[in-house]
Amino acid sequence: MSGKKISSHLYSAMKFFVAAQLMLMTVFIFYQIIMRYVFNDAPEWTEEISRYLFIWSSFFAAGMGVREHIHIGIDAAVNLLPPAARRVTQYMVALIILCLGAFLTWYGWKVVGITHTQMSPAAGISIGIVYAAAPCMGMLMVLFSALDIVELFRRRDGKRDGGDAAKEVQQSC
């Protein structure tokens, strides 16, 4: 299976995972509101679990943003560069993202190792599970930026594919 197919399947699974997290978060918050204002007895765990789901969905969405190239950038300035300078800039950016992802993975797992015995107050789950979002995002950043570097090597013009999100925006314009 090629890198693009793996990336595509992983991205689809991640979209489903983030959507499921957002749906669960909505259900838990709705449940908490009903219990608080109708029955005057709100469970404490719903707010905490919703916060943890929000953290995980935010980190996964940030990792997905690396694949789609939708993070903040100065595309106008990079596109004005000659093709050779544009390619060098894109390689440097991809390498910086890869190094940042490796850093998040390495030190994120250290934090998970330190906090895995600490339990959350209301839900009673390991705080290490919450902190595991950072190294998971780091691994996604490493994977997607490595695939980006491979794509840049294959393409000679220095222009990227843009990803699914960029294609959808271009088609809607």
C-alpha atoms as a PDB file:
ATOM      1  CA  MET A   1       0.000   0.000   0.000  1.00  0.00           C
ATOM      2  CA  SER A   2       1.418   3.412  -0.968  1.00  0.00           C
ATOM      3  CA  GLY A   3       1.993   6.320   1.407  1.00  0.00           C
ATOM      4  CA  LYS A   4      -0.863   8.310  -0.104  1.00  0.00           C
ATOM      5  CA  LYS A   5      -3.329   5.436   0.425  1.00  0.00           C
ATOM      6  CA  ILE A   6      -2.185   4.931   4.016  1.00  0.00           C
ATOM      7  CA  SER A   7      -2.443   8.670   4.604  1.00  0.00           C
ATOM      8  CA  SER A   8      -5.905   8.750   3.049  1.00  0.00           C
ATOM      9  CA  HIS A   9      -7.205   5.810   5.116  1.00  0.00           C
ATOM     10  CA  LEU A  10      -5.684   7.207   8.303  1.00  0.00           C
ATOM     11  CA  TYR A  11      -7.144  10.631   7.571  1.00  0.00           C
ATOM     12  CA  SER A  12     -10.617   9.132   7.031  1.00  0.00           C
ATOM     13  CA  ALA A  13     -10.374   7.232  10.309  1.00  0.00           C
ATOM     14  CA  MET A  14      -9.236  10.393  12.078  1.00  0.00           C
ATOM     15  CA  LYS A  15     -12.164  12.392  10.680  1.00  0.00           C
ATOM     16  CA  PHE A  16     -14.537   9.723  11.983  1.00  0.00           C
ATOM     17  CA  PHE A  17     -12.762   9.679  15.360  1.00  0.00           C
ATOM     18  CA  VAL A  18     -12.929  13.472  15.745  1.00  0.00           C
ATOM     19  CA  ALA A  19     -16.591  13.544  14.688  1.00  0.00           C
ATOM     20  CA  ALA A  20     -17.417  10.790  17.195  1.00  0.00           C
ATOM     21  CA  GLN A  21     -15.608  12.700  19.932  1.00  0.00           C
ATOM     22  CA  LEU A  22     -17.522  15.885  19.146  1.00  0.00           C
ATOM     23  CA  MET A  23     -20.821  13.986  19.152  1.00  0.00           C
ATOM     24  CA  LEU A  24     -20.012  12.361  22.504  1.00  0.00           C
ATOM     25  CA  MET A  25     -18.981  15.713  23.920  1.00  0.00           C
ATOM     26  CA  THR A  26     -22.286  17.220  22.803  1.00  0.00           C
ATOM     27  CA  VAL A  27     -24.279  14.358  24.322  1.00  0.00           C
ATOM     28  CA  PHE A  28     -22.418  14.597  27.643  1.00  0.00           C
ATOM     29  CA  ILE A  29     -22.854  18.359  27.881  1.00  0.00           C
ATOM     30  CA  PHE A  30     -26.542  18.101  26.957  1.00  0.00           C
ATOM     31  CA  TYR A  31     -26.957  15.387  29.620  1.00  0.00           C
ATOM     32  CA  GLN A  32     -25.239  17.600  32.171  1.00  0.00           C
ATOM     33  CA  ILE A  33     -27.469  20.573  31.353  1.00  0.00           C
ATOM     34  CA  ILE A  34     -30.650  18.482  31.639  1.00  0.00           C
ATOM     35  CA  MET A  35     -29.499  16.948  34.919  1.00  0.00           C
ATOM     36  CA  ARG A  36     -28.455  20.313  36.348  1.00  0.00           C
ATOM     37  CA  TYR A  37     -31.473  22.432  35.408  1.00  0.00           C
ATOM     38  CA  VAL A  38     -34.254  19.837  35.403  1.00  0.00           C
ATOM     39  CA  PHE A  39     -33.206  17.457  38.183  1.00  0.00           C
ATOM     40  CA  ASN A  40     -30.856  19.785  40.111  1.00  0.00           C
ATOM     41  CA  ASP A  41     -28.279  16.964  40.265  1.00  0.00           C
ATOM     42  CA  ALA A  42     -25.509  17.347  37.674  1.00  0.00           C
ATOM     43  CA  PRO A  43     -22.953  14.540  37.465  1.00  0.00           C
ATOM     44  CA  GLU A  44     -19.387  15.779  37.877  1.00  0.00           C
ATOM     45  CA  TRP A  45     -17.838  13.384  35.363  1.00  0.00           C
ATOM     46  CA  THR A  46     -19.607  14.813  32.297  1.00  0.00           C
ATOM     47  CA  GLU A  47     -17.747  18.129  32.366  1.00  0.00           C
ATOM     48  CA  GLU A  48     -14.403  16.442  32.922  1.00  0.00           C
ATOM     49  CA  ILE A  49     -14.857  13.823  30.196  1.00  0.00           C
ATOM     50  CA  SER A  50     -16.112  16.484  27.780  1.00  0.00           C
ATOM     51  CA  ARG A  51     -12.984  18.534  28.462  1.00  0.00           C
ATOM     52  CA  TYR A  52     -10.765  15.497  27.789  1.00  0.00           C
ATOM     53  CA  LEU A  53     -12.647  14.728  24.567  1.00  0.00           C
ATOM     54  CA  PHE A  54     -12.161  18.342  23.513  1.00  0.00           C
ATOM     55  CA  ILE A  55      -8.418  18.078  24.155  1.00  0.00           C
ATOM     56  CA  TRP A  56      -8.141  14.884  22.105  1.00  0.00           C
ATOM     57  CA  SER A  57     -10.259  16.225  19.235  1.00  0.00           C
ATOM     58  CA  SER A  58      -8.225  19.464  19.162  1.00  0.00           C
ATOM     59  CA  PHE A  59      -4.925  17.591  19.023  1.00  0.00           C
ATOM     60  CA  PHE A  60      -6.166  15.197  16.348  1.00  0.00           C
ATOM     61  CA  ALA A  61      -7.553  18.075  14.287  1.00  0.00           C
ATOM     62  CA  ALA A  62      -4.197  19.860  14.556  1.00  0.00           C
ATOM     63  CA  GLY A  63      -2.481  16.709  13.296  1.00  0.00           C
ATOM     64  CA  MET A  64      -4.968  16.534  10.443  1.00  0.00           C
ATOM     65  CA  GLY A  65      -4.148  20.151   9.638  1.00  0.00           C
ATOM     66  CA  VAL A  66      -0.539  19.164   8.976  1.00  0.00           C
ATOM     67  CA  ARG A  67      -1.702  16.759   6.276  1.00  0.00           C
ATOM     68  CA  GLU A  68      -4.001  19.328   4.711  1.00  0.00           C
ATOM     69  CA  HIS A  69      -1.525  22.243   4.930  1.00  0.00           C
ATOM     70  CA  ILE A  70      -4.164  24.440   6.542  1.00  0.00           C
ATOM     71  CA  HIS A  71      -2.100  25.856   9.389  1.00  0.00           C
ATOM     72  CA  ILE A  72      -1.058  29.482   9.349  1.00  0.00           C
ATOM     73  CA  GLY A  73       1.566  30.170   6.709  1.00  0.00           C
ATOM     74  CA  ILE A  74       2.807  32.937   4.472  1.00  0.00           C
ATOM     75  CA  ASP A  75       1.859  31.347   1.152  1.00  0.00           C
ATOM     76  CA  ALA A  76       1.776  34.648  -0.708  1.00  0.00           C
ATOM     77  CA  ALA A  77       5.442  35.302   0.063  1.00  0.00           C
ATOM     78  CA  VAL A  78       6.502  31.702  -0.660  1.00  0.00           C
ATOM     79  CA  ASN A  79       4.647  31.667  -3.993  1.00  0.00           C
ATOM     80  CA  LEU A  80       6.544  34.805  -5.083  1.00  0.00           C
ATOM     81  CA  LEU A  81       9.861  32.986  -4.712  1.00  0.00           C
ATOM     82  CA  PRO A  82      11.529  31.344  -7.702  1.00  0.00           C
ATOM     83  CA  PRO A  83      10.784  27.582  -7.943  1.00  0.00           C
ATOM     84  CA  ALA A  84      14.135  26.504  -6.472  1.00  0.00           C
ATOM     85  CA  ALA A  85      13.816  28.807  -3.445  1.00  0.00           C
ATOM     86  CA  ARG A  86      10.163  27.774  -3.017  1.00  0.00           C
ATOM     87  CA  ARG A  87      11.191  24.108  -2.871  1.00  0.00           C
ATOM     88  CA  VAL A  88      13.946  24.819  -0.341  1.00  0.00           C
ATOM     89  CA  THR A  89      11.491  26.774   1.817  1.00  0.00           C
ATOM     90  CA  GLN A  90       8.923  23.987   1.640  1.00  0.00           C
ATOM     91  CA  TYR A  91      11.536  21.380   2.561  1.00  0.00           C
ATOM     92  CA  MET A  92      12.627  23.489   5.521  1.00  0.00           C
ATOM     93  CA  VAL A  93       9.049  23.954   6.726  1.00  0.00           C
ATOM     94  CA  ALA A  94       8.317  20.228   6.398  1.00  0.00           C
ATOM     95  CA  LEU A  95      11.543  19.402   8.235  1.00  0.00           C
ATOM     96  CA  ILE A  96      10.736  21.841  11.043  1.00  0.00           C
ATOM     97  CA  ILE A  97       7.262  20.309  11.396  1.00  0.00           C
ATOM     98  CA  LEU A  98       8.800  16.820  11.410  1.00  0.00           C
ATOM     99  CA  CYS A  99      11.254  17.852  14.161  1.00  0.00           C
ATOM    100  CA  LEU A 100       8.465  19.468  16.189  1.00  0.00           C
ATOM    101  CA  GLY A 101       6.395  16.299  15.832  1.00  0.00           C
ATOM    102  CA  ALA A 102       9.340  14.173  16.980  1.00  0.00           C
ATOM    103  CA  PHE A 103       9.836  16.509  19.956  1.00  0.00           C
ATOM    104  CA  LEU A 104       6.145  16.267  20.912  1.00  0.00           C
ATOM    105  CA  THR A 105       6.235  12.489  20.576  1.00  0.00           C
ATOM    106  CA  TRP A 106       9.400  12.030  22.625  1.00  0.00           C
ATOM    107  CA  TYR A 107       8.613  14.392  25.469  1.00  0.00           C
ATOM    108  CA  GLY A 108       4.884  13.667  25.343  1.00  0.00           C
ATOM    109  CA  TRP A 109       5.520  10.006  26.136  1.00  0.00           C
ATOM    110  CA  LYS A 110       7.772  11.098  29.011  1.00  0.00           C
ATOM    111  CA  VAL A 111       4.904  13.172  30.425  1.00  0.00           C
ATOM    112  CA  VAL A 112       2.505  10.245  29.949  1.00  0.00           C
ATOM    113  CA  GLY A 113       4.933   8.027  31.842  1.00  0.00           C
ATOM    114  CA  ILE A 114       5.081  10.500  34.715  1.00  0.00           C
ATOM    115  CA  THR A 115       1.313  11.121  34.919  1.00  0.00           C
ATOM    116  CA  HIS A 116      -0.144   7.677  34.165  1.00  0.00           C
ATOM    117  CA  THR A 117      -0.625   6.892  37.869  1.00  0.00           C
ATOM    118  CA  GLN A 118      -2.424  10.180  38.590  1.00  0.00           C
ATOM    119  CA  MET A 119      -6.208   9.826  38.441  1.00  0.00           C
ATOM    120  CA  SER A 120      -8.685  12.492  37.399  1.00  0.00           C
ATOM    121  CA  PRO A 121     -10.857  13.669  40.299  1.00  0.00           C
ATOM    122  CA  ALA A 122     -14.363  13.160  38.906  1.00  0.00           C
ATOM    123  CA  ALA A 123     -14.091  10.412  36.285  1.00  0.00           C
ATOM    124  CA  GLY A 124     -11.305   8.459  37.963  1.00  0.00           C
ATOM    125  CA  ILE A 125      -9.371   7.815  34.732  1.00  0.00           C
ATOM    126  CA  SER A 126      -5.632   8.099  34.315  1.00  0.00           C
ATOM    127  CA  ILE A 127      -4.417  11.598  33.483  1.00  0.00           C
ATOM    128  CA  GLY A 128      -1.834   9.887  31.281  1.00  0.00           C
ATOM    129  CA  ILE A 129      -4.654   9.107  28.855  1.00  0.00           C
ATOM    130  CA  VAL A 130      -5.346  12.829  28.515  1.00  0.00           C
ATOM    131  CA  TYR A 131      -1.669  13.687  28.039  1.00  0.00           C
ATOM    132  CA  ALA A 132      -1.300  10.908  25.447  1.00  0.00           C
ATOM    133  CA  ALA A 133      -2.980  13.253  22.956  1.00  0.00           C
ATOM    134  CA  ALA A 134       0.285  15.201  22.561  1.00  0.00           C
ATOM    135  CA  PRO A 135       2.515  12.277  21.485  1.00  0.00           C
ATOM    136  CA  CYS A 136      -0.264  10.940  19.245  1.00  0.00           C
ATOM    137  CA  MET A 137      -0.417  14.304  17.492  1.00  0.00           C
ATOM    138  CA  GLY A 138       3.370  14.309  17.325  1.00  0.00           C
ATOM    139  CA  MET A 139       3.374  10.945  15.553  1.00  0.00           C
ATOM    140  CA  LEU A 140       0.785  12.219  13.088  1.00  0.00           C
ATOM    141  CA  MET A 141       2.903  15.299  12.434  1.00  0.00           C
ATOM    142  CA  VAL A 142       5.978  13.134  11.799  1.00  0.00           C
ATOM    143  CA  LEU A 143       4.063  10.838   9.458  1.00  0.00           C
ATOM    144  CA  PHE A 144       2.339  13.563   7.466  1.00  0.00           C
ATOM    145  CA  SER A 145       5.404  15.792   7.189  1.00  0.00           C
ATOM    146  CA  ALA A 146       7.540  12.800   6.112  1.00  0.00           C
ATOM    147  CA  LEU A 147       4.972  12.012   3.418  1.00  0.00           C
ATOM    148  CA  ASP A 148       5.025  15.704   2.473  1.00  0.00           C
ATOM    149  CA  ILE A 149       8.811  15.596   2.067  1.00  0.00           C
ATOM    150  CA  VAL A 150       8.491  12.508  -0.159  1.00  0.00           C
ATOM    151  CA  GLU A 151       5.824  14.278  -2.235  1.00  0.00           C
ATOM    152  CA  LEU A 152       8.063  17.341  -2.587  1.00  0.00           C
ATOM    153  CA  PHE A 153      10.895  15.115  -3.809  1.00  0.00           C
ATOM    154  CA  ARG A 154       8.586  13.610  -6.435  1.00  0.00           C
ATOM    155  CA  ARG A 155       7.224  16.936  -7.651  1.00  0.00           C
ATOM    156  CA  ARG A 156       9.619  19.192  -9.503  1.00  0.00           C
ATOM    157  CA  ASP A 157       7.582  22.404  -9.544  1.00  0.00           C
ATOM    158  CA  GLY A 158       7.511  22.871  -5.748  1.00  0.00           C
ATOM    159  CA  LYS A 159       3.721  22.954  -5.682  1.00  0.00           C
ATOM    160  CA  ARG A 160       1.851  20.700  -3.331  1.00  0.00           C
ATOM    161  CA  ASP A 161      -1.309  18.758  -3.932  1.00  0.00           C
ATOM    162  CA  GLY A 162      -3.014  20.845  -1.248  1.00  0.00           C
ATOM    163  CA  GLY A 163      -5.011  18.037   0.364  1.00  0.00           C
ATOM    164  CA  ASP A 164      -8.724  17.335   0.541  1.00  0.00           C
ATOM    165  CA  ALA A 165      -9.659  20.521   2.411  1.00  0.00           C
ATOM    166  CA  ALA A 166      -7.836  22.736  -0.072  1.00  0.00           C
ATOM    167  CA  LYS A 167      -9.519  20.936  -2.995  1.00  0.00           C
ATOM    168  CA  GLU A 168     -12.959  21.467  -1.433  1.00  0.00           C
ATOM    169  CA  VAL A 169     -12.298  25.202  -1.033  1.00  0.00           C
ATOM    170  CA  GLN A 170     -11.033  25.506  -4.602  1.00  0.00           C
ATOM    171  CA  GLN A 171     -14.065  23.658  -5.963  1.00  0.00           C
ATOM    172  CA  SER A 172     -16.486  25.874  -4.028  1.00  0.00           C
ATOM    173  CA  CYS A 173     -14.983  29.098  -5.410  1.00  0.00           C
END
